[in-house]
C-alpha atoms as a PDB file:
ATOM      1  CA  MET A   1     -48.290  12.395  71.505  1.00  0.00           C
ATOM      2  CA  LEU A   2     -46.483  15.306  73.201  1.00  0.00           C
ATOM      3  CA  ASN A   3     -48.824  15.020  76.176  1.00  0.00           C
ATOM      4  CA  ILE A   4     -47.797  11.456  77.014  1.00  0.00           C
ATOM      5  CA  ASN A   5     -44.330  10.115  76.179  1.00  0.00           C
ATOM      6  CA  PRO A   6     -42.142  13.266  76.142  1.00  0.00           C
ATOM      7  CA  THR A   7     -43.884  14.660  79.223  1.00  0.00           C
ATOM      8  CA  THR A   8     -43.382  11.330  80.996  1.00  0.00           C
ATOM      9  CA  ALA A   9     -39.701  11.455  80.028  1.00  0.00           C
ATOM     10  CA  VAL A  10     -39.214  14.956  81.455  1.00  0.00           C
ATOM     11  CA  LEU A  11     -40.857  14.002  84.747  1.00  0.00           C
ATOM     12  CA  LEU A  12     -38.780  10.822  85.032  1.00  0.00           C
ATOM     13  CA  LEU A  13     -35.583  12.829  84.565  1.00  0.00           C
ATOM     14  CA  ASN A  14     -36.567  15.702  86.858  1.00  0.00           C
ATOM     15  CA  GLU A  15     -38.406  14.222  89.810  1.00  0.00           C
ATOM     16  CA  PHE A  16     -36.129  11.673  91.465  1.00  0.00           C
ATOM     17  CA  VAL A  17     -32.507  12.800  91.120  1.00  0.00           C
ATOM     18  CA  THR A  18     -30.937  16.236  90.667  1.00  0.00           C
ATOM     19  CA  LEU A  19     -28.930  15.508  87.536  1.00  0.00           C
ATOM     20  CA  LYS A  20     -26.019  17.631  86.339  1.00  0.00           C
ATOM     21  CA  PRO A  21     -24.278  17.692  82.931  1.00  0.00           C
ATOM     22  CA  ASN A  22     -22.119  14.592  82.391  1.00  0.00           C
ATOM     23  CA  ASP A  23     -24.033  12.544  84.991  1.00  0.00           C
ATOM     24  CA  TRP A  24     -24.941   9.013  83.899  1.00  0.00           C
ATOM     25  CA  ILE A  25     -28.373   7.404  83.697  1.00  0.00           C
ATOM     26  CA  VAL A  26     -29.333   3.885  82.611  1.00  0.00           C
ATOM     27  CA  LEU A  27     -32.577   2.754  80.998  1.00  0.00           C
ATOM     28  CA  ASN A  28     -33.928  -0.397  79.419  1.00  0.00           C
ATOM     29  CA  ALA A  29     -36.377  -0.982  76.545  1.00  0.00           C
ATOM     30  CA  ALA A  30     -34.227   1.636  74.793  1.00  0.00           C
ATOM     31  CA  ASN A  31     -36.149   1.229  71.525  1.00  0.00           C
ATOM     32  CA  SER A  32     -39.517   2.125  73.082  1.00  0.00           C
ATOM     33  CA  HIS A  33     -41.160   5.489  72.418  1.00  0.00           C
ATOM     34  CA  VAL A  34     -40.738   6.701  76.003  1.00  0.00           C
ATOM     35  CA  ALA A  35     -37.067   5.660  75.992  1.00  0.00           C
ATOM     36  CA  ARG A  36     -36.453   7.521  72.720  1.00  0.00           C
ATOM     37  CA  CYS A  37     -37.897  10.603  74.385  1.00  0.00           C
ATOM     38  CA  LEU A  38     -35.786   9.996  77.490  1.00  0.00           C
ATOM     39  CA  ILE A  39     -32.632   9.697  75.405  1.00  0.00           C
ATOM     40  CA  ALA A  40     -33.304  12.877  73.385  1.00  0.00           C
ATOM     41  CA  ILE A  41     -34.199  14.944  76.437  1.00  0.00           C
ATOM     42  CA  ALA A  42     -31.301  13.550  78.480  1.00  0.00           C
ATOM     43  CA  LYS A  43     -28.859  14.412  75.686  1.00  0.00           C
ATOM     44  CA  SER A  44     -30.339  17.930  75.481  1.00  0.00           C
ATOM     45  CA  LEU A  45     -29.335  18.227  79.164  1.00  0.00           C
ATOM     46  CA  ASP A  46     -25.808  16.922  78.406  1.00  0.00           C
ATOM     47  CA  LEU A  47     -26.374  13.709  80.356  1.00  0.00           C
ATOM     48  CA  ASN A  48     -24.631  10.440  79.549  1.00  0.00           C
ATOM     49  CA  VAL A  49     -27.011   7.606  78.680  1.00  0.00           C
ATOM     50  CA  VAL A  50     -26.694   3.832  78.851  1.00  0.00           C
ATOM     51  CA  GLY A  51     -29.432   2.129  76.837  1.00  0.00           C
ATOM     52  CA  ILE A  52     -30.323  -1.543  77.132  1.00  0.00           C
ATOM     53  CA  VAL A  53     -32.194  -3.551  74.496  1.00  0.00           C
ATOM     54  CA  ARG A  54     -33.360  -7.149  74.369  1.00  0.00           C
ATOM     55  CA  ARG A  55     -32.320  -7.913  70.776  1.00  0.00           C
ATOM     56  CA  ARG A  56     -28.875  -7.415  69.230  1.00  0.00           C
ATOM     57  CA  GLU A  57     -30.292  -6.236  65.898  1.00  0.00           C
ATOM     58  CA  LEU A  58     -31.645  -3.111  67.624  1.00  0.00           C
ATOM     59  CA  ILE A  59     -28.174  -1.825  68.564  1.00  0.00           C
ATOM     60  CA  PRO A  60     -27.427   0.164  65.351  1.00  0.00           C
ATOM     61  CA  GLU A  61     -30.819   1.874  65.551  1.00  0.00           C
ATOM     62  CA  ILE A  62     -30.266   2.957  69.160  1.00  0.00           C
ATOM     63  CA  GLU A  63     -26.678   4.054  68.509  1.00  0.00           C
ATOM     64  CA  LYS A  64     -28.090   6.570  66.007  1.00  0.00           C
ATOM     65  CA  LEU A  65     -29.957   8.200  68.927  1.00  0.00           C
ATOM     66  CA  ASN A  66     -26.592   9.372  70.324  1.00  0.00           C
ATOM     67  CA  VAL A  67     -26.556   7.158  73.418  1.00  0.00           C
ATOM     68  CA  ASP A  68     -23.163   6.788  75.050  1.00  0.00           C
ATOM     69  CA  PHE A  69     -23.415   3.011  75.316  1.00  0.00           C
ATOM     70  CA  VAL A  70     -26.007   0.488  74.189  1.00  0.00           C
ATOM     71  CA  GLY A  71     -25.928  -3.165  75.177  1.00  0.00           C
ATOM     72  CA  VAL A  72     -28.037  -6.295  74.986  1.00  0.00           C
ATOM     73  CA  GLU A  73     -29.515  -7.898  78.085  1.00  0.00           C
ATOM     74  CA  SER A  74     -27.085 -10.707  79.001  1.00  0.00           C
ATOM     75  CA  PRO A  75     -25.092 -12.062  81.963  1.00  0.00           C
ATOM     76  CA  GLU A  76     -22.083  -9.989  80.775  1.00  0.00           C
ATOM     77  CA  LEU A  77     -23.952  -6.708  80.449  1.00  0.00           C
ATOM     78  CA  SER A  78     -23.262  -5.326  83.936  1.00  0.00           C
ATOM     79  CA  LYS A  79     -19.522  -5.707  83.381  1.00  0.00           C
ATOM     80  CA  GLN A  80     -19.799  -4.101  79.928  1.00  0.00           C
ATOM     81  CA  ILE A  81     -21.662  -1.104  81.363  1.00  0.00           C
ATOM     82  CA  ARG A  82     -19.091  -0.573  84.116  1.00  0.00           C
ATOM     83  CA  ALA A  83     -16.340  -0.648  81.490  1.00  0.00           C
ATOM     84  CA  ALA A  84     -18.221   1.807  79.242  1.00  0.00           C
ATOM     85  CA  THR A  85     -18.830   4.301  82.061  1.00  0.00           C
ATOM     86  CA  GLY A  86     -15.338   4.015  83.474  1.00  0.00           C
ATOM     87  CA  GLY A  87     -16.911   3.100  86.789  1.00  0.00           C
ATOM     88  CA  MET A  88     -18.586   6.504  87.121  1.00  0.00           C
ATOM     89  CA  PRO A  89     -21.637   6.542  89.415  1.00  0.00           C
ATOM     90  CA  ILE A  90     -25.071   5.989  87.895  1.00  0.00           C
ATOM     91  CA  SER A  91     -27.664   7.611  90.116  1.00  0.00           C
ATOM     92  CA  LEU A  92     -30.848   6.971  88.100  1.00  0.00           C
ATOM     93  CA  GLY A  93     -32.150   3.740  86.584  1.00  0.00           C
ATOM     94  CA  LEU A  94     -35.383   3.733  84.573  1.00  0.00           C
ATOM     95  CA  ASP A  95     -37.090   0.365  84.240  1.00  0.00           C
ATOM     96  CA  ALA A  96     -39.809  -0.334  81.674  1.00  0.00           C
ATOM     97  CA  VAL A  97     -39.400  -4.109  81.543  1.00  0.00           C
ATOM     98  CA  GLY A  98     -39.493  -5.747  84.979  1.00  0.00           C
ATOM     99  CA  GLY A  99     -38.407  -9.308  85.676  1.00  0.00           C
ATOM    100  CA  PRO A 100     -34.657 -10.058  85.530  1.00  0.00           C
ATOM    101  CA  ALA A 101     -34.058  -6.842  83.545  1.00  0.00           C
ATOM    102  CA  THR A 102     -34.645  -4.864  86.746  1.00  0.00           C
ATOM    103  CA  ALA A 103     -31.838  -6.790  88.445  1.00  0.00           C
ATOM    104  CA  THR A 104     -29.470  -5.729  85.671  1.00  0.00           C
ATOM    105  CA  LEU A 105     -30.289  -2.065  86.310  1.00  0.00           C
ATOM    106  CA  ALA A 106     -29.865  -2.507  90.071  1.00  0.00           C
ATOM    107  CA  SER A 107     -26.476  -4.152  89.580  1.00  0.00           C
ATOM    108  CA  VAL A 108     -24.970  -1.088  87.873  1.00  0.00           C
ATOM    109  CA  LEU A 109     -26.552   1.635  90.018  1.00  0.00           C
ATOM    110  CA  SER A 110     -24.407   3.431  92.568  1.00  0.00           C
ATOM    111  CA  PRO A 111     -25.139   3.498  96.318  1.00  0.00           C
ATOM    112  CA  ALA A 112     -28.267   5.498  97.255  1.00  0.00           C
ATOM    113  CA  ALA A 113     -29.305   5.655  93.575  1.00  0.00           C
ATOM    114  CA  HIS A 114     -32.937   5.776  92.515  1.00  0.00           C
ATOM    115  CA  LEU A 115     -34.550   2.955  90.526  1.00  0.00           C
ATOM    116  CA  VAL A 116     -37.860   3.934  88.933  1.00  0.00           C
ATOM    117  CA  SER A 117     -40.317   1.414  87.481  1.00  0.00           C
ATOM    118  CA  TYR A 118     -42.686   3.049  85.004  1.00  0.00           C
ATOM    119  CA  ALA A 119     -43.876   0.113  82.845  1.00  0.00           C
ATOM    120  CA  TRP A 120     -43.850  -3.694  82.832  1.00  0.00           C
ATOM    121  CA  LEU A 121     -43.258  -4.747  79.235  1.00  0.00           C
ATOM    122  CA  GLY A 122     -41.859  -8.105  80.345  1.00  0.00           C
ATOM    123  CA  GLY A 123     -45.036  -8.940  82.252  1.00  0.00           C
ATOM    124  CA  LEU A 124     -43.107 -10.179  85.302  1.00  0.00           C
ATOM    125  CA  PRO A 125     -42.616  -8.757  88.811  1.00  0.00           C
ATOM    126  CA  ILE A 126     -39.363  -6.876  89.237  1.00  0.00           C
ATOM    127  CA  HIS A 127     -36.385  -8.982  90.324  1.00  0.00           C
ATOM    128  CA  LEU A 128     -34.265  -7.112  92.839  1.00  0.00           C
ATOM    129  CA  PRO A 129     -31.340  -8.842  94.560  1.00  0.00           C
ATOM    130  CA  GLN A 130     -31.282  -8.064  98.271  1.00  0.00           C
ATOM    131  CA  GLY A 131     -27.525  -7.457  98.018  1.00  0.00           C
ATOM    132  CA  ASP A 132     -28.204  -4.433  95.818  1.00  0.00           C
ATOM    133  CA  LEU A 133     -31.328  -3.300  97.644  1.00  0.00           C
ATOM    134  CA  ILE A 134     -29.823  -3.520 101.124  1.00  0.00           C
ATOM    135  CA  GLY A 135     -26.111  -3.141 100.408  1.00  0.00           C
ATOM    136  CA  LYS A 136     -26.555  -0.072  98.217  1.00  0.00           C
ATOM    137  CA  ARG A 137     -29.634   1.288 100.020  1.00  0.00           C
ATOM    138  CA  LEU A 138     -31.338   1.784  96.674  1.00  0.00           C
ATOM    139  CA  ASN A 139     -34.444   3.959  96.514  1.00  0.00           C
ATOM    140  CA  ILE A 140     -37.232   2.182  94.623  1.00  0.00           C
ATOM    141  CA  HIS A 141     -40.160   4.062  93.089  1.00  0.00           C
ATOM    142  CA  GLY A 142     -43.200   3.308  91.005  1.00  0.00           C
ATOM    143  CA  PHE A 143     -44.098   6.065  88.549  1.00  0.00           C
ATOM    144  CA  TRP A 144     -47.267   7.163  86.767  1.00  0.00           C
ATOM    145  CA  MET A 145     -47.480  10.644  85.307  1.00  0.00           C
ATOM    146  CA  TYR A 146     -51.009  11.127  86.650  1.00  0.00           C
ATOM    147  CA  TYR A 147     -50.028  10.734  90.300  1.00  0.00           C
ATOM    148  CA  GLU A 148     -51.394  13.689  92.216  1.00  0.00           C
ATOM    149  CA  GLU A 149     -47.981  15.175  92.986  1.00  0.00           C
ATOM    150  CA  PHE A 150     -47.068  15.381  89.290  1.00  0.00           C
ATOM    151  CA  LEU A 151     -50.240  17.022  87.992  1.00  0.00           C
ATOM    152  CA  PRO A 152     -49.155  20.610  88.853  1.00  0.00           C
ATOM    153  CA  LYS A 153     -45.831  19.962  87.083  1.00  0.00           C
ATOM    154  CA  MET A 154     -47.184  18.605  83.817  1.00  0.00           C
ATOM    155  CA  ARG A 155     -47.497  21.948  82.031  1.00  0.00           C
ATOM    156  CA  ALA A 156     -43.859  22.851  82.704  1.00  0.00           C
ATOM    157  CA  ALA A 157     -42.784  19.325  81.691  1.00  0.00           C
ATOM    158  CA  LEU A 158     -44.747  19.615  78.447  1.00  0.00           C
ATOM    159  CA  THR A 159     -43.120  22.993  77.739  1.00  0.00           C
ATOM    160  CA  GLN A 160     -39.650  21.520  78.275  1.00  0.00           C
ATOM    161  CA  ALA A 161     -40.467  18.559  76.019  1.00  0.00           C
ATOM    162  CA  THR A 162     -41.880  20.815  73.311  1.00  0.00           C
ATOM    163  CA  LYS A 163     -38.639  22.804  73.174  1.00  0.00           C
ATOM    164  CA  VAL A 164     -36.657  19.620  72.557  1.00  0.00           C
ATOM    165  CA  VAL A 165     -39.063  18.561  69.790  1.00  0.00           C
ATOM    166  CA  ALA A 166     -38.924  22.044  68.229  1.00  0.00           C
ATOM    167  CA  SER A 167     -35.115  21.942  68.252  1.00  0.00           C
ATOM    168  CA  GLY A 168     -35.239  18.853  66.023  1.00  0.00           C
ATOM    169  CA  LYS A 169     -33.493  16.665  68.605  1.00  0.00           C
ATOM    170  CA  LEU A 170     -36.589  14.561  69.172  1.00  0.00           C
ATOM    171  CA  SER A 171     -38.904  13.206  66.510  1.00  0.00           C
ATOM    172  CA  LEU A 172     -41.973  11.151  67.281  1.00  0.00           C
ATOM    173  CA  PRO A 173     -42.225   8.463  64.603  1.00  0.00           C
ATOM    174  CA  VAL A 174     -45.702   7.293  63.650  1.00  0.00           C
ATOM    175  CA  THR A 175     -46.003   3.712  62.391  1.00  0.00           C
ATOM    176  CA  THR A 176     -49.130   4.388  60.368  1.00  0.00           C
ATOM    177  CA  THR A 177     -52.268   6.517  60.111  1.00  0.00           C
ATOM    178  CA  TYR A 178     -55.864   5.272  59.909  1.00  0.00           C
ATOM    179  CA  LYS A 179     -59.164   6.909  59.039  1.00  0.00           C
ATOM    180  CA  PRO A 180     -61.804   6.955  61.798  1.00  0.00           C
ATOM    181  CA  SER A 181     -63.799   4.385  59.794  1.00  0.00           C
ATOM    182  CA  GLN A 182     -60.821   2.018  60.277  1.00  0.00           C
ATOM    183  CA  ILE A 183     -60.902   2.252  64.078  1.00  0.00           C
ATOM    184  CA  LYS A 184     -61.029  -1.542  64.507  1.00  0.00           C
ATOM    185  CA  GLU A 185     -57.882  -2.038  62.402  1.00  0.00           C
ATOM    186  CA  ALA A 186     -56.176   0.856  64.205  1.00  0.00           C
ATOM    187  CA  ILE A 187     -56.816  -0.692  67.619  1.00  0.00           C
ATOM    188  CA  GLU A 188     -55.586  -4.092  66.457  1.00  0.00           C
ATOM    189  CA  HIS A 189     -52.407  -2.486  65.063  1.00  0.00           C
ATOM    190  CA  SER A 190     -51.832  -0.551  68.290  1.00  0.00           C
ATOM    191  CA  GLU A 191     -52.146  -3.748  70.334  1.00  0.00           C
ATOM    192  CA  ARG A 192     -49.487  -5.397  68.144  1.00  0.00           C
ATOM    193  CA  GLY A 193     -47.160  -2.458  68.826  1.00  0.00           C
ATOM    194  CA  GLY A 194     -46.335   0.827  67.146  1.00  0.00           C
ATOM    195  CA  GLU A 195     -47.552   4.414  67.344  1.00  0.00           C
ATOM    196  CA  VAL A 196     -50.880   4.762  65.510  1.00  0.00           C
ATOM    197  CA  LEU A 197     -52.792   7.961  64.754  1.00  0.00           C
ATOM    198  CA  LEU A 198     -56.344   8.610  63.553  1.00  0.00           C
ATOM    199  CA  ASP A 199     -56.596  11.099  60.672  1.00  0.00           C
ATOM    200  CA  PHE A 200     -59.814  13.095  61.017  1.00  0.00           C
ATOM    201  CA  ASP A 201     -58.927  15.352  58.057  1.00  0.00           C
ATOM    202  CA  HIS A 202     -59.615  12.497  55.645  1.00  0.00           C
ATOM    203  CA  ALA A 203     -62.554  10.839  57.342  1.00  0.00           C
END
């Protein structure tokens, strides 16, 4: 688990913008495993985090992760985020959803900010208003941790992530554990959602 989500989070935070303490970032799918890693690692760097979720009932859960503001995808959200940040610039937006959710991120990013798409949970192409793309000269990136340029950096990213886990600031919740003989059930559970592990000690 350390090899994937926390390492992805470190690379997303390190590779596109030089972030300093008290800088703001914004991310959606804030309840996802990668986003939880992003939040924990960002807070360990003293960054301010805006998290976006798609369901109101998720807000209390995400607030416990120490985000600075969490909101629900809605037509009012951009205004709410600007109020929460005091209009401070947001130079990095991390998109795991696609579709209209990408437009929300673009709307709150500052000029010359970087918008990074690393997943497509919504199953739709990203929506990006030309007013934000052209007017703000946004930098748009697709991200996959196994791109050639990131491979030499993965060990250092893993080391950074491990330190945050060891400090207790990041836990990696497991939904359930299956025996290898239950591989079919494990795969079905994984496809429904949730972190699933195989336990080879009790095969």
